[in-house]
C-alpha atoms as a PDB file:
ATOM      1  CA  MET A   1      30.953  -1.800 -14.624  1.00  0.00           C
ATOM      2  CA  LYS A   2      28.478  -4.194 -16.197  1.00  0.00           C
ATOM      3  CA  ASN A   3      24.850  -4.168 -15.134  1.00  0.00           C
ATOM      4  CA  PRO A   4      24.086  -7.074 -12.737  1.00  0.00           C
ATOM      5  CA  ALA A   5      21.293  -8.220 -15.046  1.00  0.00           C
ATOM      6  CA  THR A   6      23.793  -8.522 -17.909  1.00  0.00           C
ATOM      7  CA  ILE A   7      26.129 -10.578 -15.717  1.00  0.00           C
ATOM      8  CA  TYR A   8      23.268 -12.778 -14.508  1.00  0.00           C
ATOM      9  CA  LEU A   9      21.922 -13.417 -18.003  1.00  0.00           C
ATOM     10  CA  SER A  10      25.391 -14.230 -19.321  1.00  0.00           C
ATOM     11  CA  LYS A  11      25.012 -17.691 -17.744  1.00  0.00           C
ATOM     12  CA  TRP A  12      23.036 -18.641 -20.839  1.00  0.00           C
ATOM     13  CA  PRO A  13      23.730 -18.039 -24.550  1.00  0.00           C
ATOM     14  CA  LYS A  14      21.769 -15.064 -25.872  1.00  0.00           C
ATOM     15  CA  THR A  15      20.060 -17.295 -28.423  1.00  0.00           C
ATOM     16  CA  SER A  16      18.876 -19.802 -25.816  1.00  0.00           C
ATOM     17  CA  ASP A  17      15.257 -19.997 -24.685  1.00  0.00           C
ATOM     18  CA  THR A  18      16.299 -19.672 -21.026  1.00  0.00           C
ATOM     19  CA  HIS A  19      18.150 -16.391 -21.668  1.00  0.00           C
ATOM     20  CA  LYS A  20      15.135 -14.957 -23.493  1.00  0.00           C
ATOM     21  CA  THR A  21      12.708 -16.201 -20.828  1.00  0.00           C
ATOM     22  CA  MET A  22      14.617 -14.750 -17.878  1.00  0.00           C
ATOM     23  CA  ARG A  23      15.239 -11.462 -19.668  1.00  0.00           C
ATOM     24  CA  ALA A  24      11.502 -11.198 -20.353  1.00  0.00           C
ATOM     25  CA  ALA A  25      10.820 -12.043 -16.692  1.00  0.00           C
ATOM     26  CA  LEU A  26      12.997  -9.107 -15.586  1.00  0.00           C
ATOM     27  CA  ALA A  27      11.286  -6.796 -18.072  1.00  0.00           C
ATOM     28  CA  ARG A  28       7.877  -7.553 -16.519  1.00  0.00           C
ATOM     29  CA  MET A  29       8.940  -5.708 -13.370  1.00  0.00           C
ATOM     30  CA  LEU A  30       9.788  -2.520 -15.271  1.00  0.00           C
ATOM     31  CA  ASP A  31       7.877   0.153 -17.147  1.00  0.00           C
ATOM     32  CA  ASP A  32       7.213  -0.416 -20.821  1.00  0.00           C
ATOM     33  CA  GLY A  33      10.302   0.136 -22.933  1.00  0.00           C
ATOM     34  CA  VAL A  34      12.829   0.038 -20.072  1.00  0.00           C
ATOM     35  CA  ASP A  35      15.841  -2.158 -20.864  1.00  0.00           C
ATOM     36  CA  PRO A  36      16.349  -4.662 -18.004  1.00  0.00           C
ATOM     37  CA  GLU A  37      20.093  -4.576 -18.695  1.00  0.00           C
ATOM     38  CA  ALA A  38      20.164  -0.828 -18.072  1.00  0.00           C
ATOM     39  CA  HIS A  39      17.991  -0.727 -14.933  1.00  0.00           C
ATOM     40  CA  PRO A  40      19.791   0.011 -11.601  1.00  0.00           C
ATOM     41  CA  TRP A  41      18.804  -3.251  -9.875  1.00  0.00           C
ATOM     42  CA  HIS A  42      21.600  -2.790  -7.340  1.00  0.00           C
ATOM     43  CA  GLU A  43      19.808   0.278  -5.945  1.00  0.00           C
ATOM     44  CA  LEU A  44      16.663  -1.627  -4.946  1.00  0.00           C
ATOM     45  CA  GLN A  45      15.684  -1.511  -1.282  1.00  0.00           C
ATOM     46  CA  PHE A  46      13.522  -3.749   0.911  1.00  0.00           C
ATOM     47  CA  ALA A  47      10.347  -1.720   0.273  1.00  0.00           C
ATOM     48  CA  ASP A  48      10.850  -1.794  -3.504  1.00  0.00           C
ATOM     49  CA  VAL A  49      11.209  -5.567  -3.614  1.00  0.00           C
ATOM     50  CA  ARG A  50       8.356  -6.187  -1.189  1.00  0.00           C
ATOM     51  CA  ALA A  51       5.900  -4.408  -3.483  1.00  0.00           C
ATOM     52  CA  ILE A  52       6.823  -6.287  -6.666  1.00  0.00           C
ATOM     53  CA  PRO A  53       4.656  -9.456  -6.255  1.00  0.00           C
ATOM     54  CA  ALA A  54       1.520  -7.399  -5.611  1.00  0.00           C
ATOM     55  CA  GLU A  55       2.257  -5.095  -8.528  1.00  0.00           C
ATOM     56  CA  LEU A  56       2.670  -8.050 -10.880  1.00  0.00           C
ATOM     57  CA  ALA A  57      -0.552  -9.600  -9.597  1.00  0.00           C
ATOM     58  CA  ASP A  58      -2.220  -6.232 -10.157  1.00  0.00           C
ATOM     59  CA  GLU A  59      -1.172  -6.420 -13.802  1.00  0.00           C
ATOM     60  CA  GLY A  60      -2.979  -9.759 -14.055  1.00  0.00           C
ATOM     61  CA  PHE A  61      -0.015 -12.151 -14.076  1.00  0.00           C
ATOM     62  CA  ALA A  62      -0.554 -15.667 -12.732  1.00  0.00           C
ATOM     63  CA  PRO A  63       1.399 -16.931  -9.688  1.00  0.00           C
ATOM     64  CA  ARG A  64       3.633 -19.091 -11.889  1.00  0.00           C
ATOM     65  CA  THR A  65       4.626 -16.070 -14.008  1.00  0.00           C
ATOM     66  CA  ILE A  66       5.188 -13.924 -10.914  1.00  0.00           C
ATOM     67  CA  ASN A  67       7.418 -16.586  -9.363  1.00  0.00           C
ATOM     68  CA  GLN A  68       9.443 -16.751 -12.565  1.00  0.00           C
ATOM     69  CA  ALA A  69      10.055 -12.998 -12.327  1.00  0.00           C
ATOM     70  CA  LEU A  70      10.965 -13.297  -8.649  1.00  0.00           C
ATOM     71  CA  SER A  71      13.422 -16.081  -9.456  1.00  0.00           C
ATOM     72  CA  ALA A  72      15.132 -13.843 -12.001  1.00  0.00           C
ATOM     73  CA  LEU A  73      15.169 -11.002  -9.461  1.00  0.00           C
ATOM     74  CA  ARG A  74      16.816 -13.219  -6.847  1.00  0.00           C
ATOM     75  CA  GLY A  75      19.527 -14.088  -9.345  1.00  0.00           C
ATOM     76  CA  VAL A  76      20.178 -10.476 -10.321  1.00  0.00           C
ATOM     77  CA  LEU A  77      20.306  -9.203  -6.728  1.00  0.00           C
ATOM     78  CA  GLU A  78      22.626 -12.019  -5.680  1.00  0.00           C
ATOM     79  CA  THR A  79      24.825 -11.170  -8.652  1.00  0.00           C
ATOM     80  CA  ALA A  80      24.853  -7.498  -7.654  1.00  0.00           C
ATOM     81  CA  TRP A  81      25.805  -8.442  -4.090  1.00  0.00           C
ATOM     82  CA  ARG A  82      28.566 -10.859  -5.122  1.00  0.00           C
ATOM     83  CA  ALA A  83      29.950  -8.294  -7.562  1.00  0.00           C
ATOM     84  CA  GLY A  84      30.169  -5.718  -4.787  1.00  0.00           C
ATOM     85  CA  MET A  85      27.510  -3.457  -6.303  1.00  0.00           C
ATOM     86  CA  MET A  86      24.988  -3.892  -3.478  1.00  0.00           C
ATOM     87  CA  PRO A  87      25.935  -3.305   0.186  1.00  0.00           C
ATOM     88  CA  ASP A  88      25.794  -6.412   2.345  1.00  0.00           C
ATOM     89  CA  ASP A  89      23.412  -4.873   4.894  1.00  0.00           C
ATOM     90  CA  VAL A  90      20.937  -3.906   2.148  1.00  0.00           C
ATOM     91  CA  TYR A  91      21.096  -7.297   0.451  1.00  0.00           C
ATOM     92  CA  ARG A  92      20.592  -9.168   3.754  1.00  0.00           C
ATOM     93  CA  LYS A  93      17.402  -7.238   4.511  1.00  0.00           C
ATOM     94  CA  ILE A  94      15.739  -8.240   1.249  1.00  0.00           C
ATOM     95  CA  GLU A  95      13.574 -11.353   1.344  1.00  0.00           C
ATOM     96  CA  ILE A  96      11.993 -12.643  -1.847  1.00  0.00           C
ATOM     97  CA  GLU A  97       9.349 -15.254  -1.117  1.00  0.00           C
ATOM     98  CA  SER A  98       7.523 -17.090  -3.855  1.00  0.00           C
ATOM     99  CA  VAL A  99       3.801 -16.442  -4.055  1.00  0.00           C
ATOM    100  CA  ALA A 100       1.291 -19.220  -3.460  1.00  0.00           C
ATOM    101  CA  GLY A 101      -1.800 -20.058  -5.491  1.00  0.00           C
ATOM    102  CA  ASP A 102      -4.486 -17.738  -6.774  1.00  0.00           C
ATOM    103  CA  GLY A 103      -6.188 -17.482  -3.403  1.00  0.00           C
ATOM    104  CA  GLU A 104      -3.124 -16.370  -1.462  1.00  0.00           C
ATOM    105  CA  LYS A 105      -3.124 -12.761  -0.297  1.00  0.00           C
ATOM    106  CA  SER A 106      -0.090 -10.694   0.637  1.00  0.00           C
ATOM    107  CA  GLY A 107       0.302  -7.307   2.254  1.00  0.00           C
ATOM    108  CA  ARG A 108      -2.290  -5.648   4.438  1.00  0.00           C
ATOM    109  CA  ALA A 109      -5.009  -3.023   4.568  1.00  0.00           C
ATOM    110  CA  LEU A 110      -4.722  -0.318   7.198  1.00  0.00           C
ATOM    111  CA  SER A 111      -7.459  -0.133   9.821  1.00  0.00           C
ATOM    112  CA  PRO A 112      -9.701   2.960  10.100  1.00  0.00           C
ATOM    113  CA  ALA A 113      -7.791   3.967  13.237  1.00  0.00           C
ATOM    114  CA  GLU A 114      -4.493   3.695  11.365  1.00  0.00           C
ATOM    115  CA  MET A 115      -5.849   5.799   8.516  1.00  0.00           C
ATOM    116  CA  ASP A 116      -6.978   8.449  11.002  1.00  0.00           C
ATOM    117  CA  ALA A 117      -3.502   8.499  12.546  1.00  0.00           C
ATOM    118  CA  LEU A 118      -1.932   8.674   9.090  1.00  0.00           C
ATOM    119  CA  HIS A 119      -4.180  11.577   8.121  1.00  0.00           C
ATOM    120  CA  ALA A 120      -3.406  13.480  11.323  1.00  0.00           C
ATOM    121  CA  ALA A 121       0.335  13.023  10.794  1.00  0.00           C
ATOM    122  CA  LEU A 122       0.223  14.632   7.338  1.00  0.00           C
ATOM    123  CA  ALA A 123      -0.184  18.079   8.883  1.00  0.00           C
ATOM    124  CA  GLY A 124       3.448  18.077  10.007  1.00  0.00           C
ATOM    125  CA  GLU A 125       4.915  16.828   6.738  1.00  0.00           C
ATOM    126  CA  PRO A 126       6.583  18.819   3.936  1.00  0.00           C
ATOM    127  CA  ARG A 127       4.010  19.516   1.249  1.00  0.00           C
ATOM    128  CA  GLN A 128       5.277  17.151  -1.423  1.00  0.00           C
ATOM    129  CA  GLN A 129       5.659  14.225   0.993  1.00  0.00           C
ATOM    130  CA  ALA A 130       2.178  14.852   2.380  1.00  0.00           C
ATOM    131  CA  ALA A 131       0.757  15.090  -1.139  1.00  0.00           C
ATOM    132  CA  VAL A 132       2.402  11.816  -2.211  1.00  0.00           C
ATOM    133  CA  ILE A 133       0.856   9.902   0.685  1.00  0.00           C
ATOM    134  CA  ALA A 134      -2.501  11.669   0.318  1.00  0.00           C
ATOM    135  CA  PHE A 135      -2.562  10.873  -3.410  1.00  0.00           C
ATOM    136  CA  LEU A 136      -1.889   7.181  -2.761  1.00  0.00           C
ATOM    137  CA  ALA A 137      -4.464   6.984   0.022  1.00  0.00           C
ATOM    138  CA  GLY A 138      -7.094   9.037  -1.765  1.00  0.00           C
ATOM    139  CA  THR A 139      -6.942   7.460  -5.217  1.00  0.00           C
ATOM    140  CA  GLY A 140      -5.670   3.897  -4.755  1.00  0.00           C
ATOM    141  CA  ALA A 141      -2.978   4.662  -7.335  1.00  0.00           C
ATOM    142  CA  ARG A 142      -0.105   2.344  -8.136  1.00  0.00           C
ATOM    143  CA  ARG A 143       3.368   3.807  -7.629  1.00  0.00           C
ATOM    144  CA  VAL A 144       3.920   4.035 -11.381  1.00  0.00           C
ATOM    145  CA  GLU A 145       0.622   5.904 -11.796  1.00  0.00           C
ATOM    146  CA  LEU A 146       1.632   8.452  -9.169  1.00  0.00           C
ATOM    147  CA  VAL A 147       5.028   8.926 -10.802  1.00  0.00           C
ATOM    148  CA  ARG A 148       3.399   9.464 -14.209  1.00  0.00           C
ATOM    149  CA  ALA A 149       0.789  11.925 -12.924  1.00  0.00           C
ATOM    150  CA  GLN A 150       0.795  15.321 -14.626  1.00  0.00           C
ATOM    151  CA  LEU A 151      -0.346  18.616 -13.130  1.00  0.00           C
ATOM    152  CA  SER A 152      -3.115  18.728 -15.731  1.00  0.00           C
ATOM    153  CA  ASP A 153      -4.398  15.312 -14.586  1.00  0.00           C
ATOM    154  CA  TYR A 154      -5.875  16.707 -11.369  1.00  0.00           C
ATOM    155  CA  SER A 155      -9.177  18.559 -11.582  1.00  0.00           C
ATOM    156  CA  GLY A 156      -9.936  19.345  -7.943  1.00  0.00           C
ATOM    157  CA  ASP A 157     -11.969  16.301  -7.022  1.00  0.00           C
ATOM    158  CA  ARG A 158     -10.901  13.771  -9.651  1.00  0.00           C
ATOM    159  CA  ALA A 159      -7.564  12.485 -10.898  1.00  0.00           C
ATOM    160  CA  LEU A 160      -6.543  10.850 -14.155  1.00  0.00           C
ATOM    161  CA  LEU A 161      -4.300   7.839 -13.548  1.00  0.00           C
ATOM    162  CA  ARG A 162      -1.968   6.625 -16.286  1.00  0.00           C
ATOM    163  CA  GLY A 163      -1.123   2.931 -16.164  1.00  0.00           C
ATOM    164  CA  LYS A 164       1.043   0.815 -18.423  1.00  0.00           C
ATOM    165  CA  GLY A 165       0.546   1.075 -22.136  1.00  0.00           C
ATOM    166  CA  GLN A 166      -2.520   3.169 -22.968  1.00  0.00           C
ATOM    167  CA  LYS A 167      -4.469   2.236 -19.834  1.00  0.00           C
ATOM    168  CA  ARG A 168      -6.067   5.268 -18.200  1.00  0.00           C
ATOM    169  CA  ARG A 169      -8.876   5.815 -15.736  1.00  0.00           C
ATOM    170  CA  THR A 170     -10.349   8.718 -13.805  1.00  0.00           C
ATOM    171  CA  VAL A 171     -11.065   8.319 -10.098  1.00  0.00           C
ATOM    172  CA  PRO A 172     -12.685  10.608  -7.526  1.00  0.00           C
ATOM    173  CA  VAL A 173     -10.339  11.778  -4.758  1.00  0.00           C
ATOM    174  CA  GLY A 174     -11.458  11.439  -1.133  1.00  0.00           C
ATOM    175  CA  ALA A 175     -12.340  14.811   0.423  1.00  0.00           C
ATOM    176  CA  ARG A 176     -10.057  14.408   3.428  1.00  0.00           C
ATOM    177  CA  TRP A 177      -7.012  13.941   1.172  1.00  0.00           C
ATOM    178  CA  ARG A 178      -7.637  16.751  -1.312  1.00  0.00           C
ATOM    179  CA  PRO A 179      -6.301  19.668   0.807  1.00  0.00           C
ATOM    180  CA  HIS A 180      -2.850  18.072   1.048  1.00  0.00           C
ATOM    181  CA  ILE A 181      -2.728  17.437  -2.697  1.00  0.00           C
ATOM    182  CA  GLU A 182      -3.964  20.925  -3.548  1.00  0.00           C
ATOM    183  CA  ALA A 183      -1.512  22.592  -1.149  1.00  0.00           C
ATOM    184  CA  TRP A 184       1.340  20.947  -3.033  1.00  0.00           C
ATOM    185  CA  LEU A 185      -0.134  21.832  -6.431  1.00  0.00           C
ATOM    186  CA  ASP A 186      -0.377  25.480  -5.405  1.00  0.00           C
ATOM    187  CA  GLU A 187       3.309  25.377  -4.551  1.00  0.00           C
ATOM    188  CA  ARG A 188       4.278  23.358  -7.619  1.00  0.00           C
ATOM    189  CA  ALA A 189       2.670  25.582 -10.239  1.00  0.00           C
ATOM    190  CA  ASN A 190       0.350  28.515 -10.738  1.00  0.00           C
ATOM    191  CA  ALA A 191      -3.271  27.598 -11.268  1.00  0.00           C
ATOM    192  CA  ASP A 192      -3.109  29.075 -14.784  1.00  0.00           C
ATOM    193  CA  GLU A 193      -0.020  27.124 -15.742  1.00  0.00           C
ATOM    194  CA  ARG A 194      -0.451  23.512 -14.719  1.00  0.00           C
ATOM    195  CA  ARG A 195       1.904  21.713 -17.041  1.00  0.00           C
ATOM    196  CA  GLY A 196       4.523  19.073 -16.394  1.00  0.00           C
ATOM    197  CA  PRO A 197       4.812  16.294 -13.790  1.00  0.00           C
ATOM    198  CA  MET A 198       2.680  16.577 -10.671  1.00  0.00           C
ATOM    199  CA  PHE A 199       5.548  15.533  -8.401  1.00  0.00           C
ATOM    200  CA  ASP A 200       9.191  16.552  -8.415  1.00  0.00           C
ATOM    201  CA  PHE A 201      11.257  13.368  -8.107  1.00  0.00           C
ATOM    202  CA  ASP A 202      14.755  14.490  -9.007  1.00  0.00           C
ATOM    203  CA  VAL A 203      16.186  10.949  -8.902  1.00  0.00           C
ATOM    204  CA  GLU A 204      16.858   8.136 -11.373  1.00  0.00           C
ATOM    205  CA  ASN A 205      14.318   5.801  -9.751  1.00  0.00           C
ATOM    206  CA  PRO A 206      11.132   7.751  -8.877  1.00  0.00           C
ATOM    207  CA  ARG A 207       9.221   4.642  -7.793  1.00  0.00           C
ATOM    208  CA  ARG A 208      11.911   3.901  -5.239  1.00  0.00           C
ATOM    209  CA  ALA A 209      11.589   7.503  -4.040  1.00  0.00           C
ATOM    210  CA  VAL A 210       7.866   6.966  -3.406  1.00  0.00           C
ATOM    211  CA  SER A 211       8.578   3.865  -1.310  1.00  0.00           C
ATOM    212  CA  TYR A 212      11.269   5.760   0.596  1.00  0.00           C
ATOM    213  CA  ILE A 213       8.876   8.625   1.391  1.00  0.00           C
ATOM    214  CA  VAL A 214       6.312   6.189   2.800  1.00  0.00           C
ATOM    215  CA  GLU A 215       8.896   4.199   4.748  1.00  0.00           C
ATOM    216  CA  LYS A 216      10.383   7.293   6.417  1.00  0.00           C
ATOM    217  CA  PHE A 217       6.916   8.703   7.107  1.00  0.00           C
ATOM    218  CA  CYS A 218       6.059   5.585   9.123  1.00  0.00           C
ATOM    219  CA  GLU A 219       9.317   5.813  11.051  1.00  0.00           C
ATOM    220  CA  ARG A 220       8.913   9.493  11.896  1.00  0.00           C
ATOM    221  CA  HIS A 221       5.394   9.112  13.235  1.00  0.00           C
ATOM    222  CA  GLY A 222       5.719   5.729  14.935  1.00  0.00           C
ATOM    223  CA  LEU A 223       3.210   4.054  12.602  1.00  0.00           C
ATOM    224  CA  ALA A 224       3.192   0.332  11.902  1.00  0.00           C
ATOM    225  CA  PRO A 225       5.081  -0.099   8.601  1.00  0.00           C
ATOM    226  CA  PHE A 226       3.087  -0.109   5.395  1.00  0.00           C
ATOM    227  CA  THR A 227       3.973   0.189   1.711  1.00  0.00           C
ATOM    228  CA  PRO A 228       2.481   2.271  -1.099  1.00  0.00           C
ATOM    229  CA  HIS A 229       0.719  -0.860  -2.297  1.00  0.00           C
ATOM    230  CA  ASP A 230      -0.783  -1.378   1.177  1.00  0.00           C
ATOM    231  CA  LEU A 231      -2.480   2.002   0.738  1.00  0.00           C
ATOM    232  CA  ARG A 232      -3.860   0.696  -2.565  1.00  0.00           C
ATOM    233  CA  ARG A 233      -5.172  -2.406  -0.755  1.00  0.00           C
ATOM    234  CA  THR A 234      -6.755  -0.152   1.862  1.00  0.00           C
ATOM    235  CA  PHE A 235      -8.457   1.962  -0.807  1.00  0.00           C
ATOM    236  CA  ILE A 236      -9.840  -1.080  -2.642  1.00  0.00           C
ATOM    237  CA  THR A 237     -10.969  -2.763   0.602  1.00  0.00           C
ATOM    238  CA  HIS A 238     -12.853   0.374   1.682  1.00  0.00           C
ATOM    239  CA  VAL A 239     -14.510   0.912  -1.700  1.00  0.00           C
ATOM    240  CA  GLU A 240     -15.579  -2.743  -1.901  1.00  0.00           C
ATOM    241  CA  LYS A 241     -17.101  -2.547   1.579  1.00  0.00           C
ATOM    242  CA  VAL A 242     -18.983   0.681   0.879  1.00  0.00           C
ATOM    243  CA  ALA A 243     -19.946   0.357  -2.790  1.00  0.00           C
ATOM    244  CA  GLY A 244     -19.414  -3.278  -3.762  1.00  0.00           C
ATOM    245  CA  SER A 245     -16.969  -5.235  -5.873  1.00  0.00           C
ATOM    246  CA  ALA A 246     -18.014  -3.807  -9.256  1.00  0.00           C
ATOM    247  CA  VAL A 247     -17.195  -0.236  -8.213  1.00  0.00           C
ATOM    248  CA  ALA A 248     -13.976  -1.380  -6.532  1.00  0.00           C
ATOM    249  CA  GLN A 249     -12.898  -3.141  -9.729  1.00  0.00           C
ATOM    250  CA  GLN A 250     -13.620  -0.050 -11.821  1.00  0.00           C
ATOM    251  CA  LEU A 251     -11.747   2.367  -9.540  1.00  0.00           C
ATOM    252  CA  ALA A 252      -8.819  -0.049  -9.148  1.00  0.00           C
ATOM    253  CA  GLY A 253      -8.450  -0.350 -12.917  1.00  0.00           C
ATOM    254  CA  HIS A 254      -8.644  -4.145 -12.950  1.00  0.00           C
ATOM    255  CA  SER A 255      -9.810  -6.053 -16.006  1.00  0.00           C
ATOM    256  CA  ASP A 256     -10.545  -9.190 -13.954  1.00  0.00           C
ATOM    257  CA  PRO A 257     -12.769  -9.066 -10.824  1.00  0.00           C
ATOM    258  CA  LYS A 258     -10.709 -11.909  -9.344  1.00  0.00           C
ATOM    259  CA  THR A 259      -7.735  -9.565  -9.160  1.00  0.00           C
ATOM    260  CA  THR A 260      -9.788  -6.997  -7.259  1.00  0.00           C
ATOM    261  CA  MET A 261     -10.898  -9.540  -4.686  1.00  0.00           C
ATOM    262  CA  LEU A 262      -7.278 -10.503  -4.016  1.00  0.00           C
ATOM    263  CA  TYR A 263      -6.888  -6.984  -2.633  1.00  0.00           C
ATOM    264  CA  VAL A 264      -9.890  -7.011  -0.321  1.00  0.00           C
ATOM    265  CA  ARG A 265      -9.126  -7.605   3.363  1.00  0.00           C
ATOM    266  CA  VAL A 266     -12.107  -8.539   5.529  1.00  0.00           C
ATOM    267  CA  ASP A 267     -11.837  -7.672   9.225  1.00  0.00           C
ATOM    268  CA  GLU A 268     -13.182  -9.839  12.050  1.00  0.00           C
ATOM    269  CA  GLU A 269     -16.112  -7.479  12.735  1.00  0.00           C
ATOM    270  CA  ARG A 270     -17.341  -7.852   9.173  1.00  0.00           C
ATOM    271  CA  GLU A 271     -16.915 -11.634   9.301  1.00  0.00           C
ATOM    272  CA  ALA A 272     -18.927 -11.818  12.532  1.00  0.00           C
ATOM    273  CA  ALA A 273     -21.722  -9.670  11.070  1.00  0.00           C
ATOM    274  CA  ALA A 274     -21.907 -11.928   8.003  1.00  0.00           C
ATOM    275  CA  VAL A 275     -22.665 -15.064  10.032  1.00  0.00           C
ATOM    276  CA  LYS A 276     -24.526 -13.495  12.945  1.00  0.00           C
ATOM    277  CA  ASP A 277     -28.004 -14.717  11.932  1.00  0.00           C
ATOM    278  CA  LEU A 278     -26.903 -17.843  10.063  1.00  0.00           C
END
């Protein structure tokens, strides 16, 4: 069976500018070197698709470029559905909305009370699941950075995050999250032999597995739904509030401070304090 991306792109001659443009748009949503005509698009779920606009914005793409990628994604998913590769109930749940201008913000940051509830719920989770959520919450990592993490990248209170290309950065890990990460590492490998991937995702699409872990975690504990990228927004919002935008930009791994500020969510209490003595 042909890949849905191949079927979708076949609308245009391979030598045409439109074919090349839409193929490049699909490639933007994948890791470097991944062939868009080999990717299992038909396996995408609601949580996977929901995170894509924020991830593209995080890479520094403009709204127009993001919308072009989303347009290509709509076409591929519709093709997968019409070809019988994607179940009707899964396809119907997915909504792909175009992003607005540079000032438009999507997603949410969890409140301190929500983060406390999340932290308390980790105690009853299997070690890897708890470590995945703790790693996201404690480092502000992107899904791809978590998936790429190696056992040797964690040093006890700091973690090396590997982004696209050669982008790397080291971030401190919040103290409340470290025990859950370290408990998994002790199970994953001996302290003297920390080699190989940090997490064991025995699936074709590890990033989807991360989203699935978070989604099911929310359901099990009755938490308001959030995505892995919402935990990144929460991390950046907290760091910006406590240490300022420059530190938030550095820990988020953004080259442009404007991108960092798109992640910051200001609550009503902070707004009121800002204008109290105006």
